[in-house]
Amino acid sequence: MRYRDNDLGHARLGLAISKRVSKRAVERNRIKRLLRESFRRVRHQLPAVDMMVMAREQAAGVPGPQLLAELDGWVKMLLASHAATSGPLKPAGDTTTIER
């Protein structure tokens, strides 16, 4: 997951689920649905950021509740990072990634 501040006043979600994750569209769409649902539940808690989630091949075999729990963990790390800094989440041009 990558993220950066935006000037819109609300959080946005971007998804990148390629065919490398799963050849089956059904699996890729399941991952997208789960990620959107998780984002929808925490959207009101998030600062004004653009979040980009890029799924890896292992995501296709992960059960739904576990995938949701992992994304919730990333959101908690994002909130903790934002609370620790009084300024923007990242300096301009910083493209570091949250790694597990």
Protein backbone atom coordinates (compact mmCIF):
# COMPACT_ATOMS: atom_id res chain seq x y z
CA MET A 1 0.00 0.00 0.00
CA ARG A 2 1.23 3.47 -0.88
CA TYR A 3 -0.29 6.72 0.29
CA ARG A 4 0.19 10.45 0.14
CA ASP A 5 -1.66 13.58 1.21
CA ASN A 6 -4.30 15.11 -1.01
CA ASP A 7 -5.97 18.51 -0.98
CA LEU A 8 -9.53 17.23 -1.33
CA GLY A 9 -10.37 16.96 2.36
CA HIS A 10 -11.28 13.26 2.20
CA ALA A 11 -9.56 9.93 1.63
CA ARG A 12 -9.55 8.15 -1.72
CA LEU A 13 -8.77 4.56 -2.65
CA GLY A 14 -7.03 3.22 -5.74
CA LEU A 15 -6.71 -0.48 -6.55
CA ALA A 16 -4.23 -2.31 -8.76
CA ILE A 17 -5.09 -5.99 -9.03
CA SER A 18 -3.33 -7.43 -12.07
CA LYS A 19 -3.73 -10.75 -13.85
CA ARG A 20 -0.51 -11.84 -12.17
CA VAL A 21 -2.47 -12.00 -8.89
CA SER A 22 -4.98 -14.41 -10.43
CA LYS A 23 -5.85 -15.35 -13.97
CA ARG A 24 -9.50 -15.63 -12.91
CA ALA A 25 -11.49 -12.38 -12.97
CA VAL A 26 -13.73 -13.79 -10.23
CA GLU A 27 -10.79 -13.91 -7.80
CA ARG A 28 -9.54 -10.43 -8.72
CA ASN A 29 -13.05 -8.99 -8.32
CA ARG A 30 -13.42 -10.70 -4.90
CA ILE A 31 -10.23 -9.01 -3.72
CA LYS A 32 -11.44 -5.64 -5.02
CA ARG A 33 -14.83 -6.03 -3.29
CA LEU A 34 -13.18 -6.88 0.02
CA LEU A 35 -10.76 -3.97 -0.21
CA ARG A 36 -13.51 -1.49 -1.10
CA GLU A 37 -15.68 -2.72 1.78
CA SER A 38 -12.82 -2.40 4.25
CA PHE A 39 -12.05 1.12 3.00
CA ARG A 40 -15.72 2.10 3.19
CA ARG A 41 -15.84 1.11 6.87
CA VAL A 42 -12.84 3.25 7.89
CA ARG A 43 -13.09 6.11 5.39
CA HIS A 44 -14.48 8.56 7.97
CA GLN A 45 -11.48 7.93 10.29
CA LEU A 46 -8.81 8.48 7.66
CA PRO A 47 -7.01 11.76 7.05
CA ALA A 48 -7.14 13.33 3.58
CA VAL A 49 -4.92 10.85 1.75
CA ASP A 50 -4.82 8.96 -1.52
CA MET A 51 -4.28 5.26 -0.79
CA MET A 52 -3.07 2.92 -3.53
CA VAL A 53 -3.37 -0.79 -2.78
CA MET A 54 -1.44 -3.17 -5.02
CA ALA A 55 -2.29 -6.82 -4.45
CA ARG A 56 0.34 -9.52 -4.69
CA GLU A 57 -0.04 -13.08 -5.91
CA GLN A 58 -0.52 -14.40 -2.37
CA ALA A 59 -3.70 -12.33 -1.97
CA ALA A 60 -5.72 -14.70 -4.19
CA GLY A 61 -5.39 -17.55 -1.69
CA VAL A 62 -6.11 -15.53 1.45
CA PRO A 63 -9.57 -15.95 3.03
CA GLY A 64 -11.76 -12.83 3.11
CA PRO A 65 -11.66 -12.17 6.88
CA GLN A 66 -7.88 -12.44 6.93
CA LEU A 67 -7.56 -10.01 4.02
CA LEU A 68 -9.84 -7.53 5.80
CA ALA A 69 -7.82 -7.89 9.01
CA GLU A 70 -4.58 -7.16 7.14
CA LEU A 71 -5.99 -4.02 5.57
CA ASP A 72 -7.33 -2.90 8.95
CA GLY A 73 -3.79 -3.32 10.31
CA TRP A 74 -2.41 -1.11 7.53
CA VAL A 75 -5.04 1.52 8.29
CA LYS A 76 -4.06 1.49 11.97
CA MET A 77 -0.41 1.98 11.00
CA LEU A 78 -1.45 4.85 8.72
CA LEU A 79 -3.44 6.50 11.52
CA ALA A 80 -0.56 6.05 13.98
CA SER A 81 1.86 7.56 11.46
CA HIS A 82 -0.46 10.50 10.91
CA ALA A 83 -0.95 11.06 14.65
CA ALA A 84 2.83 11.05 15.21
CA THR A 85 3.41 13.77 12.64
CA SER A 86 1.82 17.16 12.78
CA GLY A 87 2.59 17.95 9.15
CA PRO A 88 1.90 16.03 5.98
CA LEU A 89 2.13 12.24 6.03
CA LYS A 90 5.01 12.25 3.58
CA PRO A 91 7.28 14.82 2.05
CA ALA A 92 6.61 15.58 -1.60
CA GLY A 93 8.13 12.95 -3.84
CA ASP A 94 8.44 10.28 -1.13
CA THR A 95 7.02 7.02 -2.51
CA THR A 96 7.86 4.65 0.32
CA THR A 97 5.55 1.71 0.90
CA ILE A 98 4.01 0.21 4.02
CA GLU A 99 5.53 -3.25 4.25
CA ARG A 100 4.35 -6.05 6.41
